[in-house]
Amino acid sequence: MGILHTLINAVNDVLWTYVIIIALIGLGIFFTLRTKFVQLRMLGEMVKLIFGSAGMKTTGKEISAFQAFCVSTASRVGVGNIAGVAIAIVTGGPGAVFWMWIVAFIGCATGFVESTLAQIYKIPRGDGAFFGGPAYYLKNALRQPKIAKLFAILISITFGLIYVSVQANTIVQSVETAFGFSKAITAVTVAILTAAIIFGGATRIAKFTEMLVPSMAGLYLLSALIIVIMNIDKVPAMFALIIHDAFTPQSAVGGGIGVVFMTGVRRGLFSNEAGEGSVPNAAATASGKHPARQGLIQSFGVYVDTWLVCSATAFSILLTDIYAVGGMLTGVSLVQASLASVYGSFAPHILAIIVFLFAFSSIVGNYYYGEVNIAFFEGDESGFLPSAIARNAMNIFRCGVVLMVLFGSFADLGLVWESADLFMGFLCLTNLYAIARLGKYAFIALDDYVSQKKRGVDEPVFDKNIMPDKEGIKAW
């Protein structure tokens, strides 16, 4: 087991430190230039689309643009936005936050491309429902069904099972620490809540996240805003420190500017998930008249994840000045200490509630990525999966998720988490390969959307005939 652990770590280090980061940043820069800085010039449109679709009434199994945005946000905004940012500051210093912001800016363009492609190649499921994502555009647009099925299985295992167990583990640990509840009681409660939501299907998940995500993010951002207001005189110095240390790191940062840069980049990429192939699964489910709409909305999700939620953690830590670069106090414990300096003895309880909301929303969001991809196999008689499993794949998967919530509540998940990162690495490379080849169709969709807006069309409508290759476009 020790040898396997060492091998997986070695592969992950190479994969995530060099191969994937270079590919993600390279493609992100290319997409930024090719879309003429869509993340800047269309920022106002992004905000307008999100608020315009909030509260929109849906019928049947239809999912609104805002609900799809909430599902993706539920998945990518998790405990990593709390513990991960704290670790980044202790490891790479305040300058890591600057590079985290930069990579988020670049990632917005990648997020636009992959989510727009997911919309273009989504599949109608009846009664207003759609499914889609990398597995679907790999099969229907690139005509590579075997790679598509492999992607679908890997993302279902990684997000729908392994990551779910990790989030469950985080919940029971934080609740036990803050409130003294036994792990067994918390584990069973979380499992029951999970089952109640996921067996209700995509529509119930969308409505649940539409209610939870704004409350969850609002609570956390409010706690950080109070800290900012109480330390408003320190804010200019904080920004100066972040920018200064991005290029001239503190001596406590071993490895100098390279470590600061890599720490910020990795934190940003892991947090916002742009290009990793997860968010498109939620983006494809939204109804709408033009695929670029959801591309713009999901692009803004990168800003929400990094520029708002991750920054809230960073500001809470830097303004309270509890941290020490290279120090022993890090992760959730550092955030807890920062909150305690403001909120006193209530800090553990506040953080436990926040962690519960973040982690449980991630359970639901991560499960949903699995659901979208398990649907890829429903009724499949190709022999890739045994026919009995293919016919009942969804219910088998849902039972597996509930069991993984229980398992994860008590398990030592170190090796499991590292294995999930390995799977995620290969998923990421597969998706990057697909969007690199198909990106030109997202550019066409964006140009069409902008052109219609310039002509005064309030709600642009997509016509698939503008595409030079209409292979795989089934929902338009």
Protein backbone atom coordinates (compact mmCIF):
# COMPACT_ATOMS: atom_id res chain seq x y z
CA MET A 1 0.00 0.00 0.00
CA GLY A 2 2.90 2.34 0.79
CA ILE A 3 4.41 1.76 -2.66
CA LEU A 4 1.05 2.50 -4.33
CA HIS A 5 0.69 5.67 -2.26
CA THR A 6 4.18 6.84 -3.30
CA LEU A 7 3.55 6.03 -6.97
CA ILE A 8 0.24 7.90 -7.11
CA ASN A 9 1.80 10.93 -5.41
CA ALA A 10 4.68 10.94 -7.89
CA VAL A 11 2.35 10.80 -10.89
CA ASN A 12 0.10 13.50 -9.42
CA ASP A 13 3.05 15.81 -8.81
CA VAL A 14 4.15 15.61 -12.45
CA LEU A 15 0.61 15.68 -13.82
CA TRP A 16 -0.69 18.63 -11.80
CA THR A 17 2.54 20.62 -11.43
CA TYR A 18 3.58 20.57 -15.06
CA VAL A 19 1.39 18.89 -17.67
CA ILE A 20 -2.10 20.06 -16.66
CA ILE A 21 -1.13 23.51 -15.45
CA ILE A 22 0.75 24.26 -18.68
CA ALA A 23 -2.16 22.96 -20.76
CA LEU A 24 -4.80 24.86 -18.76
CA ILE A 25 -2.94 28.16 -18.76
CA GLY A 26 -1.90 27.81 -22.40
CA LEU A 27 -5.43 27.09 -23.58
CA GLY A 28 -6.84 29.74 -21.25
CA ILE A 29 -4.61 32.41 -22.78
CA PHE A 30 -5.49 31.23 -26.29
CA PHE A 31 -9.23 31.28 -25.52
CA THR A 32 -8.88 34.71 -23.90
CA LEU A 33 -7.27 36.15 -27.03
CA ARG A 34 -9.55 34.31 -29.45
CA THR A 35 -12.73 35.47 -27.70
CA LYS A 36 -11.32 39.02 -27.51
CA PHE A 37 -11.31 38.97 -23.70
CA VAL A 38 -14.86 37.69 -23.29
CA GLN A 39 -14.38 37.79 -19.50
CA LEU A 40 -14.04 41.58 -19.65
CA ARG A 41 -16.11 42.80 -22.55
CA MET A 42 -19.11 40.61 -21.68
CA LEU A 43 -18.94 41.03 -17.90
CA GLY A 44 -22.02 43.26 -17.78
CA GLU A 45 -23.95 40.76 -19.89
CA MET A 46 -22.95 37.93 -17.54
CA VAL A 47 -24.35 39.73 -14.51
CA LYS A 48 -27.50 40.68 -16.41
CA LEU A 49 -28.11 37.08 -17.48
CA ILE A 50 -27.62 35.66 -13.98
CA PHE A 51 -29.94 38.09 -12.22
CA GLY A 52 -32.39 37.97 -15.11
CA SER A 53 -32.81 34.20 -14.78
CA ALA A 54 -32.95 34.12 -10.96
CA GLY A 55 -36.39 33.05 -9.79
CA MET A 56 -37.52 32.16 -13.30
CA LYS A 57 -40.39 29.68 -13.19
CA THR A 58 -39.82 26.35 -14.90
CA THR A 59 -42.18 23.60 -16.06
CA GLY A 60 -41.79 19.82 -16.10
CA LYS A 61 -38.16 18.82 -15.70
CA GLU A 62 -36.86 22.09 -17.14
CA ILE A 63 -33.87 23.67 -15.39
CA SER A 64 -33.33 27.42 -15.61
CA ALA A 65 -30.02 29.09 -16.39
CA PHE A 66 -29.76 30.30 -12.79
CA GLN A 67 -30.49 26.84 -11.39
CA ALA A 68 -27.75 25.32 -13.56
CA PHE A 69 -25.40 28.05 -12.32
CA CYS A 70 -26.28 27.18 -8.72
CA VAL A 71 -25.67 23.45 -9.31
CA SER A 72 -22.18 24.12 -10.68
CA THR A 73 -21.43 26.64 -7.92
CA ALA A 74 -22.58 24.11 -5.30
CA SER A 75 -19.98 21.67 -6.58
CA ARG A 76 -16.98 23.94 -7.00
CA VAL A 77 -17.53 26.10 -3.91
CA GLY A 78 -16.56 23.75 -1.09
CA VAL A 79 -14.29 23.41 1.89
CA GLY A 80 -11.33 23.88 -0.43
CA ASN A 81 -12.29 27.54 -0.64
CA ILE A 82 -11.69 27.73 3.11
CA ALA A 83 -8.86 25.32 3.95
CA GLY A 84 -7.19 25.46 0.52
CA VAL A 85 -6.75 29.23 0.53
CA ALA A 86 -5.37 29.17 4.07
CA ILE A 87 -2.82 26.54 3.06
CA ALA A 88 -1.86 28.59 0.00
CA ILE A 89 -1.15 31.70 2.11
CA VAL A 90 0.92 29.78 4.68
CA THR A 91 2.85 27.92 1.96
CA GLY A 92 3.30 30.62 -0.67
CA GLY A 93 2.64 33.79 1.28
CA PRO A 94 0.08 36.54 0.54
CA GLY A 95 1.41 36.83 -3.02
CA ALA A 96 -0.20 33.49 -3.87
CA VAL A 97 -3.58 35.24 -3.72
CA PHE A 98 -2.56 37.51 -6.61
CA TRP A 99 -1.73 34.56 -8.88
CA MET A 100 -4.96 32.90 -7.80
CA TRP A 101 -6.83 35.95 -9.13
CA ILE A 102 -4.84 35.94 -12.38
CA VAL A 103 -5.50 32.29 -13.14
CA ALA A 104 -9.21 32.83 -12.41
CA PHE A 105 -9.26 35.65 -14.95
CA ILE A 106 -7.71 33.39 -17.58
CA GLY A 107 -9.96 30.50 -16.57
CA CYS A 108 -13.09 32.54 -17.30
CA ALA A 109 -12.44 32.22 -21.02
CA THR A 110 -11.93 28.46 -20.75
CA GLY A 111 -15.09 28.19 -18.68
CA PHE A 112 -17.00 30.04 -21.37
CA VAL A 113 -15.78 27.72 -24.13
CA GLU A 114 -16.46 24.40 -22.40
CA SER A 115 -19.90 25.44 -21.12
CA THR A 116 -20.96 26.82 -24.49
CA LEU A 117 -19.88 23.56 -26.14
CA ALA A 118 -21.87 21.62 -23.54
CA GLN A 119 -24.94 23.63 -24.53
CA ILE A 120 -24.37 23.21 -28.27
CA TYR A 121 -24.07 19.42 -27.98
CA LYS A 122 -26.59 18.75 -25.18
CA ILE A 123 -29.16 15.96 -25.54
CA PRO A 124 -32.92 16.45 -25.00
CA ARG A 125 -34.31 14.05 -22.38
CA GLY A 126 -38.00 14.92 -22.64
CA ASP A 127 -40.31 17.15 -20.60
CA GLY A 128 -37.90 20.10 -20.92
CA ALA A 129 -34.85 18.24 -19.57
CA PHE A 130 -31.37 18.11 -21.10
CA PHE A 131 -28.14 16.27 -20.37
CA GLY A 132 -24.68 17.00 -21.71
CA GLY A 133 -21.03 17.59 -20.98
CA PRO A 134 -17.64 16.32 -22.15
CA ALA A 135 -18.81 12.70 -22.56
CA TYR A 136 -21.56 13.92 -24.87
CA TYR A 137 -19.45 16.18 -27.07
CA LEU A 138 -16.69 13.57 -27.19
CA LYS A 139 -19.20 11.07 -28.56
CA ASN A 140 -21.48 13.21 -30.69
CA ALA A 141 -19.12 15.88 -32.02
CA LEU A 142 -15.72 14.17 -32.07
CA ARG A 143 -17.24 10.71 -32.66
CA GLN A 144 -15.07 9.00 -30.06
CA PRO A 145 -17.61 6.94 -28.07
CA LYS A 146 -15.11 4.73 -26.21
CA ILE A 147 -13.22 7.73 -24.79
CA ALA A 148 -16.58 9.34 -24.00
CA LYS A 149 -17.73 6.31 -21.99
CA LEU A 150 -14.42 6.10 -20.16
CA PHE A 151 -14.76 9.79 -19.24
CA ALA A 152 -18.33 9.22 -18.04
CA ILE A 153 -17.29 6.35 -15.76
CA LEU A 154 -14.26 8.15 -14.35
CA ILE A 155 -16.11 11.39 -13.55
CA SER A 156 -18.98 9.44 -11.97
CA ILE A 157 -16.55 7.59 -9.70
CA THR A 158 -14.40 10.65 -8.94
CA PHE A 159 -17.09 13.25 -8.29
CA GLY A 160 -20.17 11.17 -7.60
CA LEU A 161 -18.55 8.69 -5.21
CA ILE A 162 -15.04 9.57 -4.00
CA TYR A 163 -15.44 13.34 -3.63
CA VAL A 164 -18.83 12.78 -1.99
CA SER A 165 -17.17 10.61 0.66
CA VAL A 166 -14.52 13.25 1.32
CA GLN A 167 -17.15 15.96 1.84
CA ALA A 168 -19.10 13.68 4.19
CA ASN A 169 -15.94 13.10 6.21
CA THR A 170 -15.43 16.86 6.51
CA ILE A 171 -18.99 17.36 7.75
CA VAL A 172 -18.88 14.77 10.52
CA GLN A 173 -15.48 15.97 11.71
CA SER A 174 -16.51 19.63 11.92
CA VAL A 175 -19.86 18.92 13.56
CA GLU A 176 -18.27 16.62 16.15
CA THR A 177 -15.62 19.23 16.98
CA ALA A 178 -18.01 22.17 17.27
CA PHE A 179 -21.15 20.61 18.73
CA GLY A 180 -20.03 17.27 20.17
CA PHE A 181 -22.46 15.19 18.08
CA SER A 182 -21.33 11.62 17.46
CA LYS A 183 -20.10 10.71 13.99
CA ALA A 184 -22.76 8.02 13.65
CA ILE A 185 -25.67 10.42 14.22
CA THR A 186 -24.27 13.01 11.82
CA ALA A 187 -23.41 10.38 9.19
CA VAL A 188 -26.91 8.89 9.18
CA THR A 189 -28.50 12.35 9.09
CA VAL A 190 -26.39 13.44 6.12
CA ALA A 191 -27.10 10.14 4.33
CA ILE A 192 -30.87 10.57 4.79
CA LEU A 193 -30.76 14.19 3.58
CA THR A 194 -28.66 13.15 0.58
CA ALA A 195 -31.05 10.34 -0.35
CA ALA A 196 -34.08 12.62 -0.04
CA ILE A 197 -32.57 15.02 -2.55
CA ILE A 198 -30.83 12.79 -5.10
CA PHE A 199 -33.68 10.28 -5.47
CA GLY A 200 -35.85 13.24 -6.43
CA GLY A 201 -33.85 13.65 -9.64
CA ALA A 202 -32.33 16.61 -11.44
CA THR A 203 -35.25 18.99 -10.90
CA ARG A 204 -35.22 18.60 -7.12
CA ILE A 205 -31.43 19.02 -7.07
CA ALA A 206 -31.67 22.21 -9.11
CA LYS A 207 -34.34 23.67 -6.83
CA PHE A 208 -32.41 22.70 -3.70
CA THR A 209 -29.18 24.33 -4.88
CA GLU A 210 -31.09 27.40 -6.08
CA MET A 211 -32.22 27.86 -2.48
CA LEU A 212 -29.00 26.82 -0.71
CA VAL A 213 -26.19 28.37 -2.77
CA PRO A 214 -27.14 32.07 -2.40
CA SER A 215 -27.69 31.56 1.35
CA MET A 216 -24.44 29.64 1.75
CA ALA A 217 -22.32 32.12 -0.16
CA GLY A 218 -24.11 35.07 1.42
CA LEU A 219 -23.43 33.86 4.96
CA TYR A 220 -19.75 33.33 4.30
CA LEU A 221 -19.28 36.58 2.40
CA LEU A 222 -21.09 38.46 5.19
CA SER A 223 -18.75 37.04 7.82
CA ALA A 224 -15.77 38.19 5.74
CA LEU A 225 -17.33 41.59 5.00
CA ILE A 226 -17.69 42.29 8.72
CA ILE A 227 -13.98 41.56 9.17
CA VAL A 228 -13.13 43.87 6.25
CA ILE A 229 -15.26 46.70 7.67
CA MET A 230 -13.76 46.30 11.14
CA ASN A 231 -10.27 46.49 9.63
CA ILE A 232 -11.00 48.95 6.81
CA ASP A 233 -7.91 51.00 7.61
CA LYS A 234 -5.72 47.96 6.87
CA VAL A 235 -7.26 47.17 3.47
CA PRO A 236 -4.93 49.33 1.29
CA ALA A 237 -1.89 47.83 3.01
CA MET A 238 -3.31 44.33 2.51
CA PHE A 239 -3.64 44.80 -1.26
CA ALA A 240 -0.15 46.32 -1.40
CA LEU A 241 1.20 43.28 0.46
CA ILE A 242 -0.51 40.83 -1.91
CA ILE A 243 0.88 42.55 -5.00
CA HIS A 244 4.35 43.07 -3.52
CA ASP A 245 4.70 39.46 -2.36
CA ALA A 246 3.52 38.14 -5.72
CA PHE A 247 6.80 39.34 -7.23
CA THR A 248 9.04 39.69 -4.15
CA PRO A 249 8.11 36.83 -1.79
CA GLN A 250 8.97 36.76 1.88
CA SER A 251 12.11 34.91 2.94
CA ALA A 252 9.99 32.29 4.73
CA VAL A 253 8.72 31.07 1.35
CA GLY A 254 11.13 28.33 0.41
CA GLY A 255 11.74 28.35 -3.34
CA GLY A 256 10.97 32.02 -3.82
CA ILE A 257 8.74 33.40 -6.54
CA GLY A 258 8.37 30.00 -8.23
CA VAL A 259 6.62 28.57 -5.18
CA VAL A 260 4.43 31.67 -4.81
CA PHE A 261 3.39 31.44 -8.46
CA MET A 262 2.76 27.68 -8.48
CA THR A 263 0.87 27.78 -5.18
CA GLY A 264 -1.50 30.50 -6.43
CA VAL A 265 -1.96 28.86 -9.81
CA ARG A 266 -2.73 25.43 -8.38
CA ARG A 267 -5.15 26.88 -5.81
CA GLY A 268 -6.94 28.85 -8.50
CA LEU A 269 -7.19 25.96 -10.94
CA PHE A 270 -8.34 23.43 -8.37
CA SER A 271 -10.93 25.82 -6.96
CA ASN A 272 -12.66 27.22 -10.04
CA GLU A 273 -12.49 23.96 -12.05
CA ALA A 274 -12.32 25.84 -15.37
CA GLY A 275 -11.26 23.39 -18.06
CA GLU A 276 -11.47 20.31 -15.85
CA GLY A 277 -14.62 18.97 -17.51
CA SER A 278 -16.92 19.08 -14.47
CA VAL A 279 -18.88 22.33 -14.83
CA PRO A 280 -20.07 21.62 -18.43
CA ASN A 281 -22.20 18.79 -17.06
CA ALA A 282 -24.31 21.32 -15.17
CA ALA A 283 -24.15 23.94 -17.92
CA ALA A 284 -25.70 21.57 -20.45
CA THR A 285 -28.85 21.00 -18.39
CA ALA A 286 -30.10 24.58 -18.64
CA SER A 287 -32.85 25.55 -21.02
CA GLY A 288 -32.31 28.65 -23.14
CA LYS A 289 -32.48 30.11 -26.60
CA HIS A 290 -28.74 30.40 -27.23
CA PRO A 291 -25.78 28.27 -26.04
CA ALA A 292 -23.62 31.34 -25.41
CA ARG A 293 -26.00 32.40 -22.60
CA GLN A 294 -24.97 29.53 -20.35
CA GLY A 295 -21.36 29.91 -21.44
CA LEU A 296 -21.38 33.50 -20.16
CA ILE A 297 -23.19 32.58 -16.94
CA GLN A 298 -20.79 29.75 -16.10
CA SER A 299 -17.83 31.95 -17.00
CA PHE A 300 -18.97 34.35 -14.28
CA GLY A 301 -19.05 31.39 -11.89
CA VAL A 302 -15.24 31.37 -11.99
CA TYR A 303 -15.27 34.93 -10.64
CA VAL A 304 -17.75 33.97 -7.91
CA ASP A 305 -15.64 31.02 -6.81
CA THR A 306 -12.24 32.72 -6.76
CA TRP A 307 -12.65 36.50 -6.72
CA LEU A 308 -15.46 36.39 -4.14
CA VAL A 309 -15.42 33.21 -2.03
CA CYS A 310 -11.68 32.46 -2.05
CA SER A 311 -10.92 36.16 -1.59
CA ALA A 312 -13.27 36.23 1.41
CA THR A 313 -11.11 33.59 3.07
CA ALA A 314 -7.88 35.39 2.11
CA PHE A 315 -9.09 38.76 3.45
CA SER A 316 -10.27 37.18 6.73
CA ILE A 317 -6.82 35.66 7.26
CA LEU A 318 -4.69 38.61 6.14
CA LEU A 319 -6.66 41.35 7.91
CA THR A 320 -6.77 39.57 11.27
CA ASP A 321 -3.01 38.90 10.98
CA ILE A 322 -3.14 35.55 12.78
CA TYR A 323 -1.20 33.73 10.06
CA ALA A 324 2.53 33.15 9.72
CA VAL A 325 4.15 32.27 6.39
CA GLY A 326 5.73 28.86 6.83
CA GLY A 327 4.00 28.47 10.20
CA MET A 328 2.33 25.43 11.71
CA LEU A 329 -1.16 26.93 11.98
CA THR A 330 -2.84 26.33 8.63
CA GLY A 331 -5.97 25.02 6.88
CA VAL A 332 -9.34 25.18 8.62
CA SER A 333 -7.60 25.76 11.96
CA LEU A 334 -6.11 29.01 10.66
CA VAL A 335 -9.47 30.23 9.37
CA GLN A 336 -11.04 29.26 12.69
CA ALA A 337 -8.40 31.24 14.60
CA SER A 338 -8.97 34.25 12.33
CA LEU A 339 -12.72 34.14 12.93
CA ALA A 340 -12.20 33.62 16.66
CA SER A 341 -10.22 36.87 16.85
CA VAL A 342 -13.38 38.66 15.68
CA TYR A 343 -16.29 36.49 16.82
CA GLY A 344 -14.76 34.98 19.96
CA SER A 345 -16.09 31.68 21.28
CA PHE A 346 -18.78 31.58 18.59
CA ALA A 347 -16.13 31.01 15.88
CA PRO A 348 -16.07 27.17 15.95
CA HIS A 349 -19.87 27.04 15.68
CA ILE A 350 -19.98 29.62 12.86
CA LEU A 351 -17.29 27.77 10.91
CA ALA A 352 -18.97 24.39 11.50
CA ILE A 353 -22.21 25.72 10.02
CA ILE A 354 -20.38 27.22 7.05
CA VAL A 355 -18.39 24.00 6.48
CA PHE A 356 -21.61 21.97 6.67
CA LEU A 357 -23.31 24.16 4.06
CA PHE A 358 -20.29 24.17 1.76
CA ALA A 359 -19.62 20.44 2.07
CA PHE A 360 -23.25 19.34 1.76
CA SER A 361 -23.79 21.53 -1.28
CA SER A 362 -20.69 19.90 -2.78
CA ILE A 363 -22.14 16.43 -2.10
CA VAL A 364 -25.26 17.34 -4.05
CA GLY A 365 -23.37 19.13 -6.84
CA ASN A 366 -20.77 16.37 -7.20
CA TYR A 367 -23.47 13.71 -7.27
CA TYR A 368 -25.22 15.60 -10.04
CA TYR A 369 -22.15 15.37 -12.27
CA GLY A 370 -22.32 11.64 -11.76
CA GLU A 371 -26.03 11.56 -12.57
CA VAL A 372 -25.51 13.37 -15.86
CA ASN A 373 -22.85 10.88 -16.90
CA ILE A 374 -24.59 7.75 -15.59
CA ALA A 375 -27.50 8.79 -17.84
CA PHE A 376 -25.01 8.28 -20.65
CA PHE A 377 -25.34 4.51 -20.06
CA GLU A 378 -29.08 4.15 -19.45
CA GLY A 379 -30.37 1.48 -21.78
CA ASP A 380 -26.93 1.09 -23.35
CA GLU A 381 -26.62 -2.36 -24.89
CA SER A 382 -23.18 -1.93 -26.45
CA GLY A 383 -21.59 -4.33 -24.00
CA PHE A 384 -19.50 -1.62 -22.36
CA LEU A 385 -21.50 -2.29 -19.20
CA PRO A 386 -23.53 -5.46 -18.46
CA SER A 387 -27.08 -4.90 -19.73
CA ALA A 388 -28.68 -5.39 -16.29
CA ILE A 389 -26.45 -2.67 -14.84
CA ALA A 390 -27.05 -0.36 -17.81
CA ARG A 391 -30.83 -0.66 -17.42
CA ASN A 392 -30.72 0.16 -13.71
CA ALA A 393 -27.59 2.31 -13.67
CA MET A 394 -29.17 5.42 -12.16
CA ASN A 395 -30.70 3.77 -9.10
CA ILE A 396 -27.58 1.66 -8.52
CA PHE A 397 -25.51 4.82 -8.65
CA ARG A 398 -27.79 6.68 -6.23
CA CYS A 399 -27.58 3.83 -3.71
CA GLY A 400 -23.80 3.90 -4.15
CA VAL A 401 -23.70 7.61 -3.35
CA VAL A 402 -25.64 7.16 -0.10
CA LEU A 403 -23.34 4.29 0.91
CA MET A 404 -20.28 6.42 0.14
CA VAL A 405 -21.63 9.16 2.40
CA LEU A 406 -21.71 6.61 5.23
CA PHE A 407 -18.33 5.13 4.30
CA GLY A 408 -16.67 8.51 3.97
CA SER A 409 -17.91 9.63 7.36
CA PHE A 410 -15.62 7.14 9.09
CA ALA A 411 -12.87 6.33 6.57
CA ASP A 412 -9.25 7.43 6.37
CA LEU A 413 -9.43 9.10 2.98
CA GLY A 414 -5.82 10.07 2.27
CA LEU A 415 -5.14 7.46 -0.42
CA VAL A 416 -8.69 7.71 -1.78
CA TRP A 417 -8.37 11.50 -2.21
CA GLU A 418 -5.02 11.18 -4.00
CA SER A 419 -6.49 8.51 -6.30
CA ALA A 420 -9.38 10.85 -7.09
CA ASP A 421 -6.90 13.58 -8.02
CA LEU A 422 -5.22 11.12 -10.38
CA PHE A 423 -8.56 10.31 -12.04
CA MET A 424 -9.37 14.00 -12.20
CA GLY A 425 -6.05 14.66 -13.92
CA PHE A 426 -6.87 12.28 -16.75
CA LEU A 427 -10.41 13.69 -16.97
CA CYS A 428 -8.96 17.16 -17.29
CA LEU A 429 -6.59 16.19 -20.09
CA THR A 430 -9.41 14.45 -21.96
CA ASN A 431 -11.63 17.52 -21.73
CA LEU A 432 -8.83 19.89 -22.74
CA TYR A 433 -8.20 17.74 -25.80
CA ALA A 434 -11.89 17.95 -26.72
CA ILE A 435 -12.34 21.70 -26.20
CA ALA A 436 -9.10 22.48 -28.01
CA ARG A 437 -10.52 20.72 -31.07
CA LEU A 438 -14.08 22.02 -30.73
CA GLY A 439 -13.37 25.53 -29.45
CA LYS A 440 -13.92 27.07 -32.87
CA TYR A 441 -17.64 26.28 -32.59
CA ALA A 442 -17.88 28.14 -29.28
CA PHE A 443 -16.25 31.15 -30.96
CA ILE A 444 -18.87 31.04 -33.73
CA ALA A 445 -21.65 30.90 -31.14
CA LEU A 446 -20.19 33.88 -29.27
CA ASP A 447 -19.83 35.96 -32.42
CA ASP A 448 -23.44 35.14 -33.36
CA TYR A 449 -24.69 36.10 -29.89
CA VAL A 450 -22.80 39.42 -29.91
CA SER A 451 -23.93 40.17 -33.45
CA GLN A 452 -27.58 39.69 -32.56
CA LYS A 453 -27.22 41.85 -29.43
CA LYS A 454 -25.67 44.63 -31.53
CA ARG A 455 -28.66 44.45 -33.89
CA GLY A 456 -30.95 45.09 -30.93
CA VAL A 457 -32.15 41.53 -30.34
CA ASP A 458 -32.93 41.31 -26.63
CA GLU A 459 -32.83 37.50 -26.50
CA PRO A 460 -30.59 36.07 -29.23
CA VAL A 461 -31.80 32.80 -30.76
CA PHE A 462 -29.39 30.12 -31.94
CA ASP A 463 -29.68 28.60 -35.40
CA LYS A 464 -27.49 25.53 -35.86
CA ASN A 465 -27.19 26.29 -39.56
CA ILE A 466 -24.52 28.89 -38.75
CA MET A 467 -22.22 25.98 -37.85
CA PRO A 468 -19.99 24.64 -40.63
CA ASP A 469 -20.36 21.13 -39.16
CA LYS A 470 -23.72 20.25 -37.61
CA GLU A 471 -22.69 16.72 -36.56
CA GLY A 472 -23.85 15.95 -33.03
CA ILE A 473 -26.10 19.00 -32.60
CA LYS A 474 -29.37 17.42 -31.48
CA ALA A 475 -31.18 19.91 -29.23
CA TRP A 476 -31.38 22.98 -31.49
